[in-house]
Amino acid sequence: MAKTGTTTQGLRTAIERSGYYPALVAEAVEASVGTETPVAYLVNQETTFDANEVRRHVTVLVLTATRFLVSHTDEQGADDTSPSPYATTSTESVKIGRISSVVVNRVVANPESYKPGTLPREVVLTIGWGAVSRLDLEPAACGDPNCEADHGYTGSATADDLSLRVSEAGDGAEAVRETLAFAQALSEATTAAAQR
């Protein structure tokens, strides 16, 4: 379930509608937002299958005039650290000017007959601000198949702070539409911040 909007009350309503520990999630998000007013937000609840367990989690993205906020809440089963199930909630506040990339990957069925305005069947929103980078390395080689020299390593670094996948089949068309709307609002905010 994804929800977008622009008011503090609308944000709280969207969190409550998700039904995922709404008091816990709302308190964490509202503390992070503080006195600012949301410009846009997205609430995305997701169910995952981990071995023999079904686990839920929710991600709340909030855009204010100056910051991009990320809140993520996961539920955990009882384990060595806790005899009863528990939830963990984290929030991160990022200045708009620090966002280095907003990537929207759209998956469209039957591209040969695509009509502008048709919703993609899936959207992956990836946002990077430099907090997390992935480094993929492999041994470097030269063109000589008989060469045994050490040529060091080659690779690539990828900023991958947040990636959110929403599909029409799993989340509904409205969730896809809302994710695209949030991505557009965030892209516009980062463009405006870069021009200041």
Protein backbone atom coordinates (compact mmCIF):
# COMPACT_ATOMS: atom_id res chain seq x y z
CA MET A 1 0.00 0.00 0.00
CA ALA A 2 1.38 3.38 -0.96
CA LYS A 3 -0.12 6.75 -0.19
CA THR A 4 0.99 10.22 -1.20
CA GLY A 5 -0.17 13.63 -0.14
CA THR A 6 0.89 16.94 1.31
CA THR A 7 -0.46 17.55 4.83
CA THR A 8 0.63 16.46 8.28
CA GLN A 9 -2.85 15.09 9.01
CA GLY A 10 -2.88 13.33 5.63
CA LEU A 11 0.46 11.74 6.47
CA ARG A 12 -0.87 10.49 9.81
CA THR A 13 -4.02 9.16 8.11
CA ALA A 14 -1.95 7.30 5.50
CA ILE A 15 0.19 5.73 8.24
CA GLU A 16 -2.92 4.68 10.17
CA ARG A 17 -4.53 3.30 7.02
CA SER A 18 -1.48 1.11 6.41
CA GLY A 19 -2.38 -0.67 9.66
CA TYR A 20 1.23 -1.47 10.42
CA TYR A 21 1.96 -0.46 14.03
CA PRO A 22 0.53 2.99 13.28
CA ALA A 23 1.20 4.54 16.70
CA LEU A 24 4.88 3.49 16.59
CA VAL A 25 5.41 4.52 12.96
CA ALA A 26 3.55 7.85 13.31
CA GLU A 27 5.49 8.84 16.42
CA ALA A 28 8.86 8.17 14.75
CA VAL A 29 7.89 9.98 11.54
CA GLU A 30 6.32 12.97 13.30
CA ALA A 31 9.37 13.38 15.55
CA SER A 32 11.58 13.41 12.46
CA VAL A 33 9.37 15.87 10.54
CA GLY A 34 9.25 18.20 13.54
CA THR A 35 7.64 21.56 12.85
CA GLU A 36 8.01 21.35 9.07
CA THR A 37 5.05 20.67 6.80
CA PRO A 38 5.23 17.73 4.38
CA VAL A 39 5.42 18.77 0.74
CA ALA A 40 4.88 15.15 -0.34
CA TYR A 41 4.97 11.74 1.26
CA LEU A 42 4.76 8.07 0.38
CA VAL A 43 3.76 5.26 2.75
CA ASN A 44 4.66 1.81 1.44
CA GLN A 45 3.90 -1.38 3.34
CA GLU A 46 5.48 -4.54 2.03
CA THR A 47 5.24 -8.20 2.93
CA THR A 48 8.29 -10.40 2.37
CA PHE A 49 8.88 -14.11 2.70
CA ASP A 50 12.03 -15.00 4.63
CA ALA A 51 12.65 -18.77 4.69
CA ASN A 52 9.58 -20.10 6.54
CA GLU A 53 8.49 -16.72 7.90
CA VAL A 54 6.19 -14.05 6.57
CA ARG A 55 7.53 -10.62 7.55
CA ARG A 56 6.04 -7.21 7.08
CA HIS A 57 7.71 -3.83 7.01
CA VAL A 58 6.78 -0.28 6.17
CA THR A 59 8.77 2.53 4.62
CA VAL A 60 7.61 6.13 4.94
CA LEU A 61 9.22 8.77 2.72
CA VAL A 62 8.55 12.43 3.48
CA LEU A 63 9.64 15.47 1.53
CA THR A 64 9.65 18.85 3.30
CA ALA A 65 10.84 22.19 1.97
CA THR A 66 14.38 21.47 3.19
CA ARG A 67 14.71 17.73 3.86
CA PHE A 68 14.02 14.24 2.62
CA LEU A 69 13.08 11.90 5.48
CA VAL A 70 13.15 8.11 5.46
CA SER A 71 11.52 6.00 8.15
CA HIS A 72 11.64 2.22 8.07
CA THR A 73 9.96 -0.15 10.52
CA ASP A 74 10.50 -3.92 10.61
CA GLU A 75 8.95 -6.55 12.81
CA GLN A 76 11.14 -9.29 14.24
CA GLY A 77 10.29 -12.60 15.83
CA ALA A 78 11.56 -13.64 19.24
CA ASP A 79 15.27 -14.37 19.18
CA ASP A 80 18.37 -14.51 21.38
CA THR A 81 18.09 -10.82 22.22
CA SER A 82 14.37 -10.77 23.03
CA PRO A 83 12.05 -13.50 24.30
CA SER A 84 9.05 -11.82 22.59
CA PRO A 85 8.48 -10.42 19.09
CA TYR A 86 9.60 -6.82 18.61
CA ALA A 87 9.81 -4.04 16.02
CA THR A 88 12.67 -1.77 15.04
CA THR A 89 12.14 1.72 13.66
CA SER A 90 14.77 3.96 12.12
CA THR A 91 14.53 7.46 10.70
CA GLU A 92 17.03 9.38 8.61
CA SER A 93 16.93 13.04 7.68
CA VAL A 94 18.77 14.15 4.52
CA LYS A 95 19.18 17.73 3.30
CA ILE A 96 17.61 18.03 -0.17
CA GLY A 97 20.91 19.31 -1.57
CA ARG A 98 22.67 16.06 -0.58
CA ILE A 99 20.47 13.89 -2.81
CA SER A 100 22.67 12.91 -5.73
CA SER A 101 20.27 10.77 -7.73
CA VAL A 102 16.62 9.91 -8.12
CA VAL A 103 16.25 6.91 -10.41
CA VAL A 104 12.85 5.73 -11.63
CA ASN A 105 12.91 2.36 -13.38
CA ARG A 106 9.62 1.64 -15.18
CA VAL A 107 8.57 -1.77 -16.43
CA VAL A 108 6.03 -1.49 -19.26
CA ALA A 109 4.15 -4.39 -20.86
CA ASN A 110 3.80 -4.50 -24.65
CA PRO A 111 6.06 -1.53 -25.37
CA GLU A 112 5.23 -1.65 -29.09
CA SER A 113 1.68 -0.49 -28.31
CA TYR A 114 2.55 1.88 -25.44
CA LYS A 115 0.43 5.01 -25.21
CA PRO A 116 1.67 8.05 -23.25
CA GLY A 117 0.08 8.22 -19.82
CA THR A 118 -0.28 4.45 -19.44
CA LEU A 119 0.89 3.32 -16.01
CA PRO A 120 3.89 1.01 -15.88
CA ARG A 121 3.18 -2.41 -14.41
CA GLU A 122 6.11 -1.94 -12.02
CA VAL A 123 8.21 0.95 -10.71
CA VAL A 124 11.49 0.80 -8.83
CA LEU A 125 12.42 4.09 -7.14
CA THR A 126 16.10 4.32 -6.16
CA ILE A 127 17.37 7.35 -4.27
CA GLY A 128 21.02 8.03 -3.55
CA TRP A 129 22.57 10.56 -1.16
CA GLY A 130 25.93 9.00 -0.42
CA ALA A 131 25.22 7.24 2.86
CA VAL A 132 25.53 3.74 1.38
CA SER A 133 27.63 2.72 -1.59
CA ARG A 134 28.11 -0.71 -3.05
CA LEU A 135 31.49 -1.62 -4.48
CA ASP A 136 31.72 -4.46 -6.98
CA LEU A 137 35.29 -5.60 -7.71
CA GLU A 138 36.78 -8.22 -9.96
CA PRO A 139 40.32 -9.08 -11.00
CA ALA A 140 41.49 -6.96 -13.94
CA ALA A 141 42.85 -8.74 -16.98
CA CYS A 142 44.62 -7.85 -20.19
CA GLY A 143 43.87 -9.06 -23.70
CA ASP A 144 46.56 -11.74 -23.66
CA PRO A 145 44.95 -15.10 -22.71
CA ASN A 146 48.37 -16.48 -21.65
CA CYS A 147 49.27 -13.54 -19.38
CA GLU A 148 49.74 -14.47 -15.72
CA ALA A 149 50.63 -11.00 -14.44
CA ASP A 150 48.67 -9.35 -11.63
CA HIS A 151 46.73 -6.48 -13.20
CA GLY A 152 45.05 -5.40 -9.98
CA TYR A 153 41.32 -4.98 -9.76
CA THR A 154 38.59 -3.21 -11.66
CA GLY A 155 35.08 -2.48 -10.57
CA SER A 156 32.33 -0.02 -10.03
CA ALA A 157 30.85 1.91 -7.13
CA THR A 158 27.09 2.37 -6.98
CA ALA A 159 25.17 4.70 -4.69
CA ASP A 160 22.23 2.66 -3.46
CA ASP A 161 20.85 4.25 -0.30
CA LEU A 162 17.20 3.38 -0.83
CA SER A 163 15.38 1.23 -3.34
CA LEU A 164 11.61 0.81 -3.27
CA ARG A 165 9.74 -1.54 -5.64
CA VAL A 166 6.02 -1.18 -6.31
CA SER A 167 4.04 -3.27 -8.77
CA GLU A 168 0.52 -3.08 -10.09
CA ALA A 169 -0.01 -6.81 -9.49
CA GLY A 170 1.22 -6.76 -5.89
CA ASP A 171 0.35 -3.25 -4.70
CA GLY A 172 -2.28 -1.96 -7.10
CA ALA A 173 -2.36 0.72 -9.78
CA GLU A 174 -2.85 3.52 -7.25
CA ALA A 175 0.40 2.57 -5.47
CA VAL A 176 2.28 2.77 -8.78
CA ARG A 177 0.71 6.17 -9.52
CA GLU A 178 1.57 7.47 -6.04
CA THR A 179 5.17 6.28 -6.28
CA LEU A 180 5.58 8.09 -9.59
CA ALA A 181 4.04 11.26 -8.11
CA PHE A 182 6.42 11.17 -5.13
CA ALA A 183 9.41 10.53 -7.41
CA GLN A 184 8.46 13.55 -9.51
CA ALA A 185 8.08 15.79 -6.45
CA LEU A 186 11.47 14.64 -5.13
CA SER A 187 13.15 15.14 -8.53
CA GLU A 188 11.73 18.66 -8.77
CA ALA A 189 12.91 19.47 -5.24
CA THR A 190 16.46 18.28 -5.96
CA THR A 191 16.54 20.32 -9.18
CA ALA A 192 15.38 23.43 -7.33
CA ALA A 193 17.96 22.86 -4.58
CA ALA A 194 20.75 22.53 -7.14
CA GLN A 195 19.79 25.87 -8.72
CA ARG A 196 20.01 27.81 -5.42
